[in-house]
């Protein structure tokens, strides 16, 4: 693991000190949080399309989303200000390679990263009934922190499926596996 830690230190810039938000900026953030509370309910499963995969998270309320991402930073630094910064592609890729990740809470905007958000899409596909929203959010909050990551066996979809339905599964991983099997046949 040492070479990955060394790469992370070389390719991930250090945090720069930022001044605390002004009163106007803080008020604007609170208004955005309230806006999201009108759009989503605590415990909603949120989905955003990405280039190759779909990313999933659980809405916690107050404009915050718990989501599971591969991330090398908690392995190479204990500086919480660096860890809490928005995750870059380099951090994600090194996290996948090192098989380490974290369940973290970010703003809805940081979670979506400009993509359209789809709400509770799995309710139509999953044979299990969704748990109550408060229970879903509590499960997500209990899992915050560093977790072993696997693109195939435990990723963001596995995390939200456990939180919302009590089952650990990934439809997109299963679909990609079936697709690769058809290509080999």
C-alpha atoms as a PDB file:
ATOM      1  CA  UNK A   1       0.000   0.000   0.000  1.00  0.00           C
ATOM      2  CA  UNK A   2       2.958   2.346   0.503  1.00  0.00           C
ATOM      3  CA  UNK A   3       3.333   3.183  -3.237  1.00  0.00           C
ATOM      4  CA  UNK A   4      -0.331   4.268  -3.389  1.00  0.00           C
ATOM      5  CA  UNK A   5       0.113   6.473  -0.341  1.00  0.00           C
ATOM      6  CA  UNK A   6       3.173   8.066  -1.921  1.00  0.00           C
ATOM      7  CA  UNK A   7       1.290   8.660  -5.185  1.00  0.00           C
ATOM      8  CA  UNK A   8      -1.579  10.236  -3.284  1.00  0.00           C
ATOM      9  CA  UNK A   9       0.755  12.661  -1.535  1.00  0.00           C
ATOM     10  CA  UNK A  10       2.329  13.638  -4.868  1.00  0.00           C
ATOM     11  CA  UNK A  11      -0.867  13.988  -6.922  1.00  0.00           C
ATOM     12  CA  UNK A  12      -3.289  15.419  -4.350  1.00  0.00           C
ATOM     13  CA  UNK A  13      -2.711  19.085  -3.569  1.00  0.00           C
ATOM     14  CA  UNK A  14      -2.567  20.171   0.028  1.00  0.00           C
ATOM     15  CA  UNK A  15      -5.432  22.130   1.556  1.00  0.00           C
ATOM     16  CA  UNK A  16      -5.246  25.891   1.628  1.00  0.00           C
ATOM     17  CA  UNK A  17      -6.734  27.814   4.508  1.00  0.00           C
ATOM     18  CA  UNK A  18     -10.086  29.382   3.649  1.00  0.00           C
ATOM     19  CA  UNK A  19     -11.747  32.185   5.586  1.00  0.00           C
ATOM     20  CA  UNK A  20     -15.014  31.404   7.390  1.00  0.00           C
ATOM     21  CA  UNK A  21     -18.149  32.121   5.323  1.00  0.00           C
ATOM     22  CA  UNK A  22     -19.652  35.601   5.541  1.00  0.00           C
ATOM     23  CA  UNK A  23     -23.109  36.109   7.067  1.00  0.00           C
ATOM     24  CA  UNK A  24     -24.696  36.601   3.625  1.00  0.00           C
ATOM     25  CA  UNK A  25     -23.079  33.422   2.337  1.00  0.00           C
ATOM     26  CA  UNK A  26     -24.248  31.470   5.398  1.00  0.00           C
ATOM     27  CA  UNK A  27     -27.823  32.728   4.895  1.00  0.00           C
ATOM     28  CA  UNK A  28     -27.684  31.654   1.241  1.00  0.00           C
ATOM     29  CA  UNK A  29     -26.519  28.154   2.299  1.00  0.00           C
ATOM     30  CA  UNK A  30     -29.441  27.876   4.745  1.00  0.00           C
ATOM     31  CA  UNK A  31     -31.911  28.883   2.011  1.00  0.00           C
ATOM     32  CA  UNK A  32     -30.491  26.177  -0.277  1.00  0.00           C
ATOM     33  CA  UNK A  33     -30.789  23.594   2.505  1.00  0.00           C
ATOM     34  CA  UNK A  34     -34.457  24.514   2.965  1.00  0.00           C
ATOM     35  CA  UNK A  35     -35.016  24.276  -0.796  1.00  0.00           C
ATOM     36  CA  UNK A  36     -33.710  20.719  -0.821  1.00  0.00           C
ATOM     37  CA  UNK A  37     -35.895  19.793   2.154  1.00  0.00           C
ATOM     38  CA  UNK A  38     -38.893  20.741  -0.019  1.00  0.00           C
ATOM     39  CA  UNK A  39     -37.653  18.519  -2.866  1.00  0.00           C
ATOM     40  CA  UNK A  40     -36.462  15.471  -0.919  1.00  0.00           C
ATOM     41  CA  UNK A  41     -37.505  13.641   2.234  1.00  0.00           C
ATOM     42  CA  UNK A  42     -35.101  12.305   4.854  1.00  0.00           C
ATOM     43  CA  UNK A  43     -34.213   8.766   3.803  1.00  0.00           C
ATOM     44  CA  UNK A  44     -34.778   9.247   0.051  1.00  0.00           C
ATOM     45  CA  UNK A  45     -32.425   7.295  -2.185  1.00  0.00           C
ATOM     46  CA  UNK A  46     -30.806   9.716  -4.643  1.00  0.00           C
ATOM     47  CA  UNK A  47     -29.264   8.663  -7.939  1.00  0.00           C
ATOM     48  CA  UNK A  48     -27.058  10.685 -10.294  1.00  0.00           C
ATOM     49  CA  UNK A  49     -25.754   9.422 -13.642  1.00  0.00           C
ATOM     50  CA  UNK A  50     -22.014   9.412 -14.187  1.00  0.00           C
ATOM     51  CA  UNK A  51     -19.940   8.504 -17.249  1.00  0.00           C
ATOM     52  CA  UNK A  52     -19.630   4.749 -16.686  1.00  0.00           C
ATOM     53  CA  UNK A  53     -21.668   4.140 -13.561  1.00  0.00           C
ATOM     54  CA  UNK A  54     -24.506   5.664 -11.607  1.00  0.00           C
ATOM     55  CA  UNK A  55     -23.718   7.195  -8.201  1.00  0.00           C
ATOM     56  CA  UNK A  56     -26.077   6.761  -5.231  1.00  0.00           C
ATOM     57  CA  UNK A  57     -26.640   8.462  -1.891  1.00  0.00           C
ATOM     58  CA  UNK A  58     -29.141   8.827   0.958  1.00  0.00           C
ATOM     59  CA  UNK A  59     -30.705  12.224   1.674  1.00  0.00           C
ATOM     60  CA  UNK A  60     -30.267  13.148   5.356  1.00  0.00           C
ATOM     61  CA  UNK A  61     -32.086  16.472   5.383  1.00  0.00           C
ATOM     62  CA  UNK A  62     -30.713  19.987   5.597  1.00  0.00           C
ATOM     63  CA  UNK A  63     -29.260  19.775   2.090  1.00  0.00           C
ATOM     64  CA  UNK A  64     -26.932  16.891   3.092  1.00  0.00           C
ATOM     65  CA  UNK A  65     -26.368  13.507   1.421  1.00  0.00           C
ATOM     66  CA  UNK A  66     -24.578  10.444   2.823  1.00  0.00           C
ATOM     67  CA  UNK A  67     -22.769   8.542   0.090  1.00  0.00           C
ATOM     68  CA  UNK A  68     -20.052   5.926  -0.183  1.00  0.00           C
ATOM     69  CA  UNK A  69     -17.068   6.712  -2.377  1.00  0.00           C
ATOM     70  CA  UNK A  70     -13.642   5.251  -2.984  1.00  0.00           C
ATOM     71  CA  UNK A  71     -11.142   7.632  -1.420  1.00  0.00           C
ATOM     72  CA  UNK A  72      -7.428   7.353  -0.704  1.00  0.00           C
ATOM     73  CA  UNK A  73      -7.247  10.510   1.434  1.00  0.00           C
ATOM     74  CA  UNK A  74      -8.258   8.981   4.818  1.00  0.00           C
ATOM     75  CA  UNK A  75      -5.411   6.474   4.361  1.00  0.00           C
ATOM     76  CA  UNK A  76      -2.719   9.089   3.720  1.00  0.00           C
ATOM     77  CA  UNK A  77      -3.818  11.933   5.991  1.00  0.00           C
ATOM     78  CA  UNK A  78      -5.567  12.489   9.293  1.00  0.00           C
ATOM     79  CA  UNK A  79      -6.141  16.180   8.489  1.00  0.00           C
ATOM     80  CA  UNK A  80      -9.967  16.464   8.515  1.00  0.00           C
ATOM     81  CA  UNK A  81      -9.926  19.686   6.488  1.00  0.00           C
ATOM     82  CA  UNK A  82      -8.154  17.867   3.634  1.00  0.00           C
ATOM     83  CA  UNK A  83     -10.416  14.818   3.905  1.00  0.00           C
ATOM     84  CA  UNK A  84     -13.628  16.877   3.885  1.00  0.00           C
ATOM     85  CA  UNK A  85     -12.725  18.773   0.708  1.00  0.00           C
ATOM     86  CA  UNK A  86     -14.501  17.761  -2.480  1.00  0.00           C
ATOM     87  CA  UNK A  87     -13.114  14.502  -3.802  1.00  0.00           C
ATOM     88  CA  UNK A  88     -11.122  14.697  -7.032  1.00  0.00           C
ATOM     89  CA  UNK A  89     -10.901  12.041  -9.733  1.00  0.00           C
ATOM     90  CA  UNK A  90      -7.343  11.242  -8.634  1.00  0.00           C
ATOM     91  CA  UNK A  91      -8.564  10.544  -5.101  1.00  0.00           C
ATOM     92  CA  UNK A  92     -11.344   8.322  -6.465  1.00  0.00           C
ATOM     93  CA  UNK A  93      -9.081   6.295  -8.749  1.00  0.00           C
ATOM     94  CA  UNK A  94      -6.434   5.793  -6.065  1.00  0.00           C
ATOM     95  CA  UNK A  95      -9.218   4.786  -3.638  1.00  0.00           C
ATOM     96  CA  UNK A  96     -10.471   2.126  -6.067  1.00  0.00           C
ATOM     97  CA  UNK A  97      -6.940   0.782  -6.542  1.00  0.00           C
ATOM     98  CA  UNK A  98      -6.264   0.751  -2.791  1.00  0.00           C
ATOM     99  CA  UNK A  99      -9.761  -0.692  -2.099  1.00  0.00           C
ATOM    100  CA  UNK A 100     -10.484   1.927   0.508  1.00  0.00           C
ATOM    101  CA  UNK A 101     -13.344   4.348   0.743  1.00  0.00           C
ATOM    102  CA  UNK A 102     -15.510   6.292   3.088  1.00  0.00           C
ATOM    103  CA  UNK A 103     -19.136   6.944   3.768  1.00  0.00           C
ATOM    104  CA  UNK A 104     -19.242  10.708   3.993  1.00  0.00           C
ATOM    105  CA  UNK A 105     -21.744  13.541   4.117  1.00  0.00           C
ATOM    106  CA  UNK A 106     -21.625  16.225   1.436  1.00  0.00           C
ATOM    107  CA  UNK A 107     -23.974  18.913   0.206  1.00  0.00           C
ATOM    108  CA  UNK A 108     -26.526  17.942  -2.427  1.00  0.00           C
ATOM    109  CA  UNK A 109     -24.669  20.093  -4.951  1.00  0.00           C
ATOM    110  CA  UNK A 110     -21.322  18.403  -4.269  1.00  0.00           C
ATOM    111  CA  UNK A 111     -22.979  14.975  -4.400  1.00  0.00           C
ATOM    112  CA  UNK A 112     -24.751  15.672  -7.719  1.00  0.00           C
ATOM    113  CA  UNK A 113     -21.761  17.443  -9.261  1.00  0.00           C
ATOM    114  CA  UNK A 114     -24.013  19.118 -11.827  1.00  0.00           C
ATOM    115  CA  UNK A 115     -25.960  15.993 -12.815  1.00  0.00           C
ATOM    116  CA  UNK A 116     -29.727  15.536 -12.671  1.00  0.00           C
ATOM    117  CA  UNK A 117     -30.912  13.861  -9.464  1.00  0.00           C
ATOM    118  CA  UNK A 118     -33.385  10.992  -9.638  1.00  0.00           C
ATOM    119  CA  UNK A 119     -35.343  10.198  -6.459  1.00  0.00           C
ATOM    120  CA  UNK A 120     -36.068   6.643  -5.212  1.00  0.00           C
ATOM    121  CA  UNK A 121     -35.637   4.886  -8.589  1.00  0.00           C
ATOM    122  CA  UNK A 122     -35.061   1.498  -6.944  1.00  0.00           C
ATOM    123  CA  UNK A 123     -38.535   1.420  -5.355  1.00  0.00           C
ATOM    124  CA  UNK A 124     -39.890   0.215  -8.726  1.00  0.00           C
ATOM    125  CA  UNK A 125     -37.163  -2.392  -9.266  1.00  0.00           C
ATOM    126  CA  UNK A 126     -36.535  -3.851  -5.827  1.00  0.00           C
ATOM    127  CA  UNK A 127     -38.725  -6.688  -4.589  1.00  0.00           C
ATOM    128  CA  UNK A 128     -38.138  -5.578  -0.974  1.00  0.00           C
ATOM    129  CA  UNK A 129     -40.280  -2.823   0.508  1.00  0.00           C
ATOM    130  CA  UNK A 130     -38.422   0.360   1.410  1.00  0.00           C
ATOM    131  CA  UNK A 131     -37.827   0.979   5.110  1.00  0.00           C
ATOM    132  CA  UNK A 132     -39.224   4.127   6.738  1.00  0.00           C
ATOM    133  CA  UNK A 133     -37.278   7.278   5.852  1.00  0.00           C
ATOM    134  CA  UNK A 134     -36.028   7.917   9.374  1.00  0.00           C
ATOM    135  CA  UNK A 135     -34.689   4.350   9.675  1.00  0.00           C
ATOM    136  CA  UNK A 136     -32.975   4.670   6.277  1.00  0.00           C
ATOM    137  CA  UNK A 137     -31.254   7.906   7.312  1.00  0.00           C
ATOM    138  CA  UNK A 138     -30.218   6.462  10.697  1.00  0.00           C
ATOM    139  CA  UNK A 139     -28.640   3.441   8.979  1.00  0.00           C
ATOM    140  CA  UNK A 140     -26.673   5.756   6.683  1.00  0.00           C
ATOM    141  CA  UNK A 141     -25.518   7.911   9.599  1.00  0.00           C
ATOM    142  CA  UNK A 142     -24.365   4.863  11.571  1.00  0.00           C
ATOM    143  CA  UNK A 143     -22.098   3.815   8.695  1.00  0.00           C
ATOM    144  CA  UNK A 144     -20.238   7.138   8.354  1.00  0.00           C
ATOM    145  CA  UNK A 145     -16.480   6.727   8.235  1.00  0.00           C
ATOM    146  CA  UNK A 146     -13.832   4.608   6.542  1.00  0.00           C
ATOM    147  CA  UNK A 147     -14.962   1.348   4.919  1.00  0.00           C
ATOM    148  CA  UNK A 148     -13.276  -1.186   2.633  1.00  0.00           C
ATOM    149  CA  UNK A 149     -14.340  -0.444  -0.964  1.00  0.00           C
ATOM    150  CA  UNK A 150     -14.876  -2.849  -3.840  1.00  0.00           C
ATOM    151  CA  UNK A 151     -16.163  -1.786  -7.225  1.00  0.00           C
ATOM    152  CA  UNK A 152     -17.859  -5.179  -7.610  1.00  0.00           C
ATOM    153  CA  UNK A 153     -18.721  -6.331  -4.083  1.00  0.00           C
ATOM    154  CA  UNK A 154     -19.323  -3.207  -1.970  1.00  0.00           C
ATOM    155  CA  UNK A 155     -19.826   0.155  -3.668  1.00  0.00           C
ATOM    156  CA  UNK A 156     -22.217   3.117  -3.337  1.00  0.00           C
ATOM    157  CA  UNK A 157     -25.180   1.109  -4.660  1.00  0.00           C
ATOM    158  CA  UNK A 158     -24.615  -1.703  -2.142  1.00  0.00           C
ATOM    159  CA  UNK A 159     -24.507   0.963   0.603  1.00  0.00           C
ATOM    160  CA  UNK A 160     -27.819   2.622  -0.321  1.00  0.00           C
ATOM    161  CA  UNK A 161     -29.559  -0.717  -0.932  1.00  0.00           C
ATOM    162  CA  UNK A 162     -28.634  -1.798   2.592  1.00  0.00           C
ATOM    163  CA  UNK A 163     -29.788   1.498   4.069  1.00  0.00           C
ATOM    164  CA  UNK A 164     -33.126   1.666   2.237  1.00  0.00           C
ATOM    165  CA  UNK A 165     -34.081  -2.010   1.761  1.00  0.00           C
ATOM    166  CA  UNK A 166     -31.942  -4.000   4.194  1.00  0.00           C
ATOM    167  CA  UNK A 167     -30.286  -5.957   1.389  1.00  0.00           C
ATOM    168  CA  UNK A 168     -26.764  -5.578   0.000  1.00  0.00           C
ATOM    169  CA  UNK A 169     -26.951  -5.775  -3.780  1.00  0.00           C
ATOM    170  CA  UNK A 170     -25.984  -3.820  -6.891  1.00  0.00           C
ATOM    171  CA  UNK A 171     -28.089  -3.993 -10.028  1.00  0.00           C
ATOM    172  CA  UNK A 172     -25.518  -2.165 -12.153  1.00  0.00           C
ATOM    173  CA  UNK A 173     -22.718  -4.527 -11.081  1.00  0.00           C
ATOM    174  CA  UNK A 174     -24.946  -7.507 -11.887  1.00  0.00           C
ATOM    175  CA  UNK A 175     -25.860  -6.036 -15.289  1.00  0.00           C
ATOM    176  CA  UNK A 176     -22.213  -5.373 -16.163  1.00  0.00           C
ATOM    177  CA  UNK A 177     -21.325  -8.927 -15.105  1.00  0.00           C
ATOM    178  CA  UNK A 178     -24.072 -10.377 -17.352  1.00  0.00           C
ATOM    179  CA  UNK A 179     -22.987  -8.150 -20.232  1.00  0.00           C
ATOM    180  CA  UNK A 180     -19.355  -9.301 -19.932  1.00  0.00           C
ATOM    181  CA  UNK A 181     -20.506 -12.936 -19.823  1.00  0.00           C
ATOM    182  CA  UNK A 182     -22.454 -12.448 -23.093  1.00  0.00           C
ATOM    183  CA  UNK A 183     -19.389 -10.919 -24.737  1.00  0.00           C
ATOM    184  CA  UNK A 184     -17.305 -13.959 -23.748  1.00  0.00           C
ATOM    185  CA  UNK A 185     -19.885 -16.447 -25.070  1.00  0.00           C
END
